Protein backbone atom coordinates (compact mmCIF):
# COMPACT_ATOMS: atom_id res chain seq x y z
CA UNK A 1 -1.36 25.34 26.74
CA UNK A 2 -0.45 22.66 29.31
CA UNK A 3 -3.98 23.03 30.66
CA UNK A 4 -5.37 22.46 27.20
CA UNK A 5 -3.39 19.25 26.71
CA UNK A 6 -4.29 18.05 30.19
CA UNK A 7 -7.93 18.74 29.59
CA UNK A 8 -7.98 16.80 26.37
CA UNK A 9 -6.00 13.96 27.84
CA UNK A 10 -8.68 13.54 30.47
CA UNK A 11 -11.45 13.94 28.00
CA UNK A 12 -10.10 11.33 25.59
CA UNK A 13 -9.43 8.93 28.43
CA UNK A 14 -13.28 8.36 28.44
CA UNK A 15 -13.79 8.28 24.67
CA UNK A 16 -10.72 6.54 23.18
CA UNK A 17 -12.52 3.28 22.58
CA UNK A 18 -14.90 4.99 20.17
CA UNK A 19 -14.02 5.34 16.51
CA UNK A 20 -15.75 8.68 16.11
CA UNK A 21 -16.00 11.34 18.77
CA UNK A 22 -17.25 14.86 18.86
CA UNK A 23 -15.58 17.20 21.32
CA UNK A 24 -15.38 20.85 22.19
CA UNK A 25 -11.90 22.30 21.66
CA UNK A 26 -11.24 25.40 23.77
CA UNK A 27 -9.00 27.53 21.55
CA UNK A 28 -6.83 30.21 22.97
CA UNK A 29 -5.95 31.51 19.57
CA UNK A 30 -9.68 31.91 18.66
CA UNK A 31 -10.79 32.75 22.16
CA UNK A 32 -13.79 30.51 21.62
CA UNK A 33 -14.94 26.92 21.76
CA UNK A 34 -15.07 24.99 18.57
CA UNK A 35 -16.87 21.72 17.73
CA UNK A 36 -14.45 19.13 16.28
CA UNK A 37 -15.00 15.59 15.21
CA UNK A 38 -12.37 12.90 15.38
CA UNK A 39 -12.13 9.62 13.63
CA UNK A 40 -9.49 7.19 14.98
CA UNK A 41 -8.88 3.78 13.26
CA UNK A 42 -9.84 0.75 15.35
CA UNK A 43 -7.09 -0.76 17.48
CA UNK A 44 -4.67 2.20 17.33
CA UNK A 45 -1.13 0.77 17.43
CA UNK A 46 1.72 2.90 18.92
CA UNK A 47 4.15 1.11 16.70
CA UNK A 48 2.46 2.43 13.56
CA UNK A 49 2.27 5.91 12.16
CA UNK A 50 -1.03 7.54 11.21
CA UNK A 51 -1.33 10.35 8.72
CA UNK A 52 -3.57 13.22 9.75
CA UNK A 53 -6.41 14.48 7.39
CA UNK A 54 -7.92 17.84 8.46
CA UNK A 55 -11.42 18.38 7.08
CA UNK A 56 -12.81 21.89 6.82
CA UNK A 57 -16.58 22.28 6.61
CA UNK A 58 -16.78 19.29 8.88
CA UNK A 59 -20.54 19.12 8.97
CA UNK A 60 -20.71 18.40 5.28
CA UNK A 61 -17.39 16.68 4.44
CA UNK A 62 -16.25 14.83 7.57
CA UNK A 63 -18.35 11.71 7.16
CA UNK A 64 -17.54 11.50 3.50
CA UNK A 65 -13.83 11.67 4.12
CA UNK A 66 -13.99 9.16 6.95
CA UNK A 67 -15.94 6.67 4.78
CA UNK A 68 -13.51 7.09 1.89
CA UNK A 69 -10.48 6.74 4.23
CA UNK A 70 -11.92 3.51 5.73
CA UNK A 71 -12.80 2.03 2.36
CA UNK A 72 -9.36 2.79 0.82
CA UNK A 73 -7.45 1.65 3.84
CA UNK A 74 -9.37 -1.59 3.76
CA UNK A 75 -9.21 -2.39 0.02
CA UNK A 76 -6.67 -0.29 -1.68
CA UNK A 77 -3.68 -0.20 0.69
CA UNK A 78 -3.96 3.34 1.84
CA UNK A 79 -2.65 3.76 5.38
CA UNK A 80 -5.11 4.05 8.16
CA UNK A 81 -5.46 7.75 9.07
CA UNK A 82 -6.71 10.05 11.76
CA UNK A 83 -9.48 12.28 10.31
CA UNK A 84 -10.33 15.55 12.06
CA UNK A 85 -13.40 17.52 11.00
CA UNK A 86 -13.82 21.13 12.06
CA UNK A 87 -17.49 22.26 12.20
CA UNK A 88 -17.94 25.74 10.60
CA UNK A 89 -21.66 26.03 9.50
CA UNK A 90 -23.14 27.26 12.84
CA UNK A 91 -23.74 30.99 12.75
CA UNK A 92 -21.89 31.04 9.35
CA UNK A 93 -18.57 30.58 11.09
CA UNK A 94 -16.96 29.43 7.80
CA UNK A 95 -17.24 32.97 6.38
CA UNK A 96 -15.60 34.46 9.43
CA UNK A 97 -12.90 31.73 9.63
CA UNK A 98 -12.01 32.02 5.97
CA UNK A 99 -12.69 35.64 5.27
CA UNK A 100 -10.14 37.50 3.17
CA UNK A 101 -9.48 41.17 2.44
CA UNK A 102 -11.24 42.03 -0.87
CA UNK A 103 -8.32 44.24 -1.88
CA UNK A 104 -5.26 42.12 -1.28
CA UNK A 105 -6.84 38.65 -0.99
CA UNK A 106 -5.02 37.88 2.40
CA UNK A 107 -6.79 36.46 5.43
CA UNK A 108 -8.74 38.74 7.79
CA UNK A 109 -7.88 39.05 11.41
CA UNK A 110 -10.29 36.18 12.30
CA UNK A 111 -8.77 34.15 9.41
CA UNK A 112 -5.31 34.55 10.83
CA UNK A 113 -6.57 33.30 14.24
CA UNK A 114 -8.30 30.32 12.61
CA UNK A 115 -5.07 29.60 10.72
CA UNK A 116 -3.09 29.51 13.99
CA UNK A 117 -5.76 27.44 15.69
CA UNK A 118 -5.27 24.66 13.21
CA UNK A 119 -1.46 24.92 12.86
CA UNK A 120 -0.55 25.81 16.48
CA UNK A 121 -3.18 24.12 18.59
CA UNK A 122 -5.13 21.37 16.86
CA UNK A 123 -2.30 19.62 15.01
CA UNK A 124 0.26 19.88 17.87
CA UNK A 125 -2.29 18.30 20.16
CA UNK A 126 -2.63 15.37 17.83
CA UNK A 127 1.06 15.02 17.30
CA UNK A 128 1.61 15.08 21.09
CA UNK A 129 -1.05 12.48 21.99
CA UNK A 130 -1.04 10.04 19.08
CA UNK A 131 1.47 8.20 16.86
CA UNK A 132 1.13 10.49 13.91
CA UNK A 133 3.03 10.31 10.54
CA UNK A 134 4.76 13.31 9.05
CA UNK A 135 2.24 13.26 6.17
CA UNK A 136 -0.70 15.61 6.70
CA UNK A 137 -3.51 16.49 4.31
CA UNK A 138 -6.28 19.06 4.33
CA UNK A 139 -9.65 19.04 2.54
CA UNK A 140 -11.70 22.12 1.77
CA UNK A 141 -14.79 23.16 -0.23
CA UNK A 142 -15.79 26.51 -1.75
CA UNK A 143 -14.39 29.32 0.51
CA UNK A 144 -12.60 26.84 2.80
CA UNK A 145 -10.85 25.33 -0.27
CA UNK A 146 -9.52 28.81 -0.97
CA UNK A 147 -8.43 29.27 2.70
CA UNK A 148 -6.27 26.15 2.82
CA UNK A 149 -3.97 27.60 0.16
CA UNK A 150 -2.63 30.08 2.68
CA UNK A 151 -0.48 27.33 4.22
CA UNK A 152 1.39 27.28 0.86
CA UNK A 153 2.30 30.88 1.39
CA UNK A 154 4.76 29.70 4.16
CA UNK A 155 8.22 28.32 3.19
CA UNK A 156 7.49 25.13 5.13
CA UNK A 157 3.89 24.07 4.74
CA UNK A 158 2.51 21.86 7.52
CA UNK A 159 0.43 20.09 4.93
CA UNK A 160 1.72 17.73 2.24
CA UNK A 161 -1.61 17.05 0.56
CA UNK A 162 -4.31 19.42 -0.49
CA UNK A 163 -7.85 18.54 -1.77
CA UNK A 164 -9.46 21.72 -3.17
CA UNK A 165 -13.14 21.20 -4.12
CA UNK A 166 -14.66 23.98 -6.23
CA UNK A 167 -12.73 26.83 -4.62
CA UNK A 168 -14.03 30.34 -4.26
CA UNK A 169 -10.85 32.19 -5.13
CA UNK A 170 -9.53 35.21 -3.29
CA UNK A 171 -8.14 38.04 -5.35
CA UNK A 172 -4.97 37.10 -7.15
CA UNK A 173 -5.13 33.50 -5.89
CA UNK A 174 -5.16 32.16 -9.47
CA UNK A 175 -1.65 33.62 -9.94
CA UNK A 176 -0.27 33.24 -6.43
CA UNK A 177 -1.05 29.56 -6.09
CA UNK A 178 0.85 28.42 -9.19
CA UNK A 179 3.82 30.67 -8.22
CA UNK A 180 3.89 29.14 -4.69
CA UNK A 181 3.60 25.51 -5.84
CA UNK A 182 6.53 26.12 -8.08
CA UNK A 183 8.82 27.04 -5.22
CA UNK A 184 8.62 23.88 -3.02
CA UNK A 185 11.36 21.26 -3.15
CA UNK A 186 9.57 18.86 -0.79
CA UNK A 187 6.82 16.62 -2.02
CA UNK A 188 3.44 18.32 -2.40
CA UNK A 189 0.20 16.62 -3.54
CA UNK A 190 -2.41 19.00 -4.86
CA UNK A 191 -5.86 17.87 -6.11
CA UNK A 192 -8.16 20.44 -7.83
CA UNK A 193 -11.74 19.42 -8.34
CA UNK A 194 -14.38 21.44 -10.24
CA UNK A 195 -17.91 21.02 -11.50
CA UNK A 196 -19.10 21.39 -14.95
CA UNK A 197 -21.62 24.17 -14.52
CA UNK A 198 -20.69 27.86 -14.98
CA UNK A 199 -19.65 29.88 -11.95
CA UNK A 200 -18.13 33.24 -11.22
CA UNK A 201 -14.78 31.67 -10.61
CA UNK A 202 -14.80 29.07 -13.36
CA UNK A 203 -12.57 30.80 -15.93
CA UNK A 204 -10.13 31.78 -13.15
CA UNK A 205 -9.92 28.26 -11.89
CA UNK A 206 -9.36 26.88 -15.42
CA UNK A 207 -6.70 29.38 -16.04
CA UNK A 208 -5.05 28.51 -12.73
CA UNK A 209 -5.14 24.83 -13.70
CA UNK A 210 -3.29 25.53 -16.92
CA UNK A 211 -0.60 27.46 -15.04
CA UNK A 212 -0.14 24.73 -12.45
CA UNK A 213 0.06 22.03 -15.16
CA UNK A 214 2.86 23.97 -16.78
CA UNK A 215 5.08 23.66 -13.67
CA UNK A 216 7.87 21.21 -14.37
CA UNK A 217 8.80 19.92 -10.98
CA UNK A 218 9.06 16.30 -9.86
CA UNK A 219 8.25 17.27 -6.29
CA UNK A 220 4.78 18.46 -7.31
CA UNK A 221 2.09 15.89 -7.80
CA UNK A 222 -0.79 17.78 -9.27
CA UNK A 223 -4.20 16.37 -10.22
CA UNK A 224 -7.16 18.07 -11.89
CA UNK A 225 -10.54 16.48 -12.28
CA UNK A 226 -13.61 18.19 -13.80
CA UNK A 227 -17.00 16.54 -13.51
CA UNK A 228 -19.14 17.85 -16.26
CA UNK A 229 -22.42 16.45 -14.90
CA UNK A 230 -21.86 17.77 -11.40
CA UNK A 231 -23.14 21.04 -9.90
CA UNK A 232 -21.55 23.07 -7.13
CA UNK A 233 -23.27 20.98 -4.50
CA UNK A 234 -22.71 17.47 -5.88
CA UNK A 235 -19.19 17.95 -6.98
CA UNK A 236 -17.89 17.12 -3.50
CA UNK A 237 -19.32 13.63 -3.60
CA UNK A 238 -17.98 13.06 -7.05
CA UNK A 239 -14.48 14.16 -6.26
CA UNK A 240 -13.30 12.93 -2.83
CA UNK A 241 -12.87 9.27 -3.80
CA UNK A 242 -10.88 10.20 -6.92
CA UNK A 243 -8.80 12.53 -4.92
CA UNK A 244 -7.77 9.75 -2.50
CA UNK A 245 -7.16 7.44 -5.52
CA UNK A 246 -4.71 10.03 -6.90
CA UNK A 247 -2.97 11.09 -3.74
CA UNK A 248 -2.59 7.61 -2.21
CA UNK A 249 -2.12 5.80 -5.51
CA UNK A 250 1.31 4.61 -4.52
CA UNK A 251 -0.23 2.54 -1.75
CA UNK A 252 -2.37 0.51 -4.02
CA UNK A 253 -1.28 -3.07 -4.81
CA UNK A 254 0.38 -3.62 -8.19
CA UNK A 255 -2.49 -3.78 -10.74
CA UNK A 256 -2.59 -5.90 -13.92
CA UNK A 257 -2.22 -2.74 -15.98
CA UNK A 258 0.71 -1.59 -13.99
CA UNK A 259 2.34 -5.09 -14.37
CA UNK A 260 1.95 -4.99 -18.13
CA UNK A 261 2.76 -1.42 -18.91
CA UNK A 262 5.43 -0.53 -16.35
CA UNK A 263 7.07 -3.72 -15.02
CA UNK A 264 7.27 -5.90 -18.12
CA UNK A 265 8.26 -2.99 -20.27
CA UNK A 266 11.08 -1.65 -18.00
CA UNK A 267 14.69 -2.39 -18.99
CA UNK A 268 15.71 -2.37 -15.26
CA UNK A 269 15.91 -5.45 -13.11
CA UNK A 270 12.36 -6.44 -12.06
CA UNK A 271 13.13 -6.23 -8.30
CA UNK A 272 14.09 -2.55 -8.70
CA UNK A 273 10.47 -1.70 -9.37
CA UNK A 274 9.33 -3.14 -6.07
CA UNK A 275 12.22 -1.53 -4.21
CA UNK A 276 11.55 1.84 -5.72
CA UNK A 277 7.83 1.63 -5.06
CA UNK A 278 8.20 1.00 -1.28
CA UNK A 279 11.11 3.41 -0.93
CA UNK A 280 9.03 6.00 -2.63
CA UNK A 281 6.35 5.58 0.05
CA UNK A 282 8.96 6.22 2.79
CA UNK A 283 10.30 9.28 0.92
CA UNK A 284 6.95 10.82 0.25
CA UNK A 285 4.92 9.90 3.36
CA UNK A 286 7.51 9.48 6.05
CA UNK A 287 6.73 5.88 7.01
CA UNK A 288 7.15 2.40 5.64
CA UNK A 289 4.45 0.03 4.59
CA UNK A 290 4.63 -3.75 4.87
CA UNK A 291 5.18 -5.41 1.45
CA UNK A 292 1.94 -6.87 0.11
CA UNK A 293 1.93 -10.46 -0.97
CA UNK A 294 0.19 -9.31 -4.22
CA UNK A 295 3.21 -7.15 -5.01
CA UNK A 296 5.72 -9.92 -4.24
CA UNK A 297 3.86 -12.33 -6.51
CA UNK A 298 3.77 -9.80 -9.33
CA UNK A 299 7.52 -9.36 -9.14
CA UNK A 300 8.03 -13.09 -8.95
CA UNK A 301 5.86 -13.62 -12.05
CA UNK A 302 7.67 -10.81 -13.92
CA UNK A 303 11.12 -12.25 -12.95
CA UNK A 304 10.17 -15.58 -14.44
CA UNK A 305 8.51 -14.16 -17.55
CA UNK A 306 11.40 -11.85 -18.34
CA UNK A 307 13.95 -14.55 -17.24
CA UNK A 308 15.38 -12.03 -14.82
CA UNK A 309 16.48 -14.67 -12.41
CA UNK A 310 18.88 -12.36 -10.59
CA UNK A 311 15.89 -10.53 -9.11
CA UNK A 312 14.86 -13.75 -7.33
CA UNK A 313 17.68 -13.44 -4.83
CA UNK A 314 16.80 -10.04 -3.31
CA UNK A 315 13.14 -11.02 -3.57
CA UNK A 316 13.81 -14.12 -1.51
CA UNK A 317 15.71 -12.08 1.10
CA UNK A 318 12.76 -9.76 1.31
CA UNK A 319 10.35 -12.58 1.83
CA UNK A 320 12.41 -14.02 4.63
CA UNK A 321 11.99 -10.72 6.34
CA UNK A 322 8.38 -9.96 5.52
CA UNK A 323 6.98 -13.52 5.62
CA UNK A 324 9.48 -15.42 7.75
CA UNK A 325 7.29 -18.36 8.61
CA UNK A 326 6.34 -19.18 5.03
CA UNK A 327 7.92 -21.07 2.08
CA UNK A 328 8.38 -17.87 0.05
CA UNK A 329 11.88 -16.85 0.85
CA UNK A 330 13.62 -20.28 0.63
CA UNK A 331 11.45 -21.32 -2.40
CA UNK A 332 12.40 -18.30 -4.36
CA UNK A 333 16.04 -18.72 -3.30
CA UNK A 334 16.06 -22.32 -4.39
CA UNK A 335 14.77 -21.34 -7.84
CA UNK A 336 17.51 -18.77 -8.03
CA UNK A 337 20.19 -21.45 -7.37
CA UNK A 338 18.46 -23.72 -9.79
CA UNK A 339 18.62 -21.20 -12.60
CA UNK A 340 22.23 -20.31 -11.58
CA UNK A 341 23.20 -23.93 -12.25
CA UNK A 342 23.88 -24.92 -8.65
CA UNK A 343 21.62 -28.00 -8.17
CA UNK A 344 23.06 -28.97 -4.80
CA UNK A 345 22.37 -25.63 -3.22
CA UNK A 346 18.96 -25.67 -4.93
CA UNK A 347 18.10 -29.02 -3.47
CA UNK A 348 19.10 -28.04 0.02
CA UNK A 349 17.16 -24.85 -0.16
CA UNK A 350 14.01 -26.57 -1.49
CA UNK A 351 14.28 -28.87 1.43
CA UNK A 352 14.28 -25.89 3.76
CA UNK A 353 11.17 -24.47 2.04
CA UNK A 354 9.43 -27.84 2.45
CA UNK A 355 9.66 -27.42 6.17
CA UNK A 356 7.92 -23.96 6.10
CA UNK A 357 4.29 -22.99 6.05
CA UNK A 358 2.41 -23.04 2.70
CA UNK A 359 1.33 -19.62 1.31
CA UNK A 360 -0.64 -18.47 -1.76
CA UNK A 361 0.14 -20.87 -4.62
CA UNK A 362 3.23 -22.34 -2.98
CA UNK A 363 2.56 -25.83 -1.48
CA UNK A 364 4.82 -28.48 0.04
CA UNK A 365 3.86 -30.70 -2.90
CA UNK A 366 5.38 -28.18 -5.26
CA UNK A 367 8.66 -28.18 -3.24
CA UNK A 368 8.69 -31.93 -3.12
CA UNK A 369 8.26 -32.20 -6.93
CA UNK A 370 11.18 -29.78 -7.34
CA UNK A 371 13.29 -31.87 -5.04
CA UNK A 372 12.39 -35.12 -6.76
CA UNK A 373 13.19 -33.58 -10.17
CA UNK A 374 16.61 -32.39 -9.06
CA UNK A 375 17.39 -35.82 -7.58
CA UNK A 376 16.35 -37.56 -10.83
CA UNK A 377 18.31 -35.17 -13.13
CA UNK A 378 21.55 -35.16 -11.16
CA UNK A 379 21.44 -38.51 -9.37
CA UNK A 380 21.50 -37.17 -5.81
């Protein structure tokens, strides 16, 4: 195993500047060489944590998953991730890798080795050599979508997120999977995607969906999407983007709909919503995310609209930490003192904000107007 890690360390020393690389992984578990694709975000930062996304059927799905990951991390707040695609089409390897016993539905001998290759070789290599996050996801299609469920048969699954695209189910999988999903106390994200056309497994999949939906457990985040116009081939392109939207939805900036239906309607202090949102990311994904300016402004607007001025104080403290060079922290704190009826403190704090950098809608002119108004009203 040390030789394997040393071999890959040398190999990646020559390719680490490329975003996508294709390498040959010499697996001791499989006793064979496997073609593996890697996507690494640009400018890897050792101070950041990167989720791992394992993509089975790499020849077909890897590029789609990489494109979706790049798009969502650029525009929707999803964390940049390391994507790993395992090629399986050559010589019909996928059917050997993911074969199951037709009687009991459990993996074949080759399937057990493939299972260990991913869990005991590939992922440990990535964890050892890169700054990986605890959150790991796997994507499968057809027979590989069925295979990935076997990680849920362990008490501690190495994967937190599953994207199952039109699975070909092993015997008893439709009853085993709901049973297993109901046993986990840690957070599990499971996305099931099916096409509209009839198939041999369609009724079993729909029955399984109903059983999973009936599970009442906060730790299970289950999503089901059926694309009536898709067939067995096109369903993968329909479903991957929606799966990312569901699983990484917490990373998205606060939307206008979210603002109206969840923040303004809540009876809790406005700031609690922001605090819970970002703590939830830590709890579920194992790493923190910088607070987006969009989210800060949404909480600020809600604080004013609901006249929840107490939320301005913790919001100002957060801004001093997240945006220390800007006016945000002191401006919000000054408004807090203003509403609290402490004009002298408000004036001094607006003066501090005036000395900081402008950001978003906050300008020095606004701070100056506030200062002049306080002086006029209180004769300072």
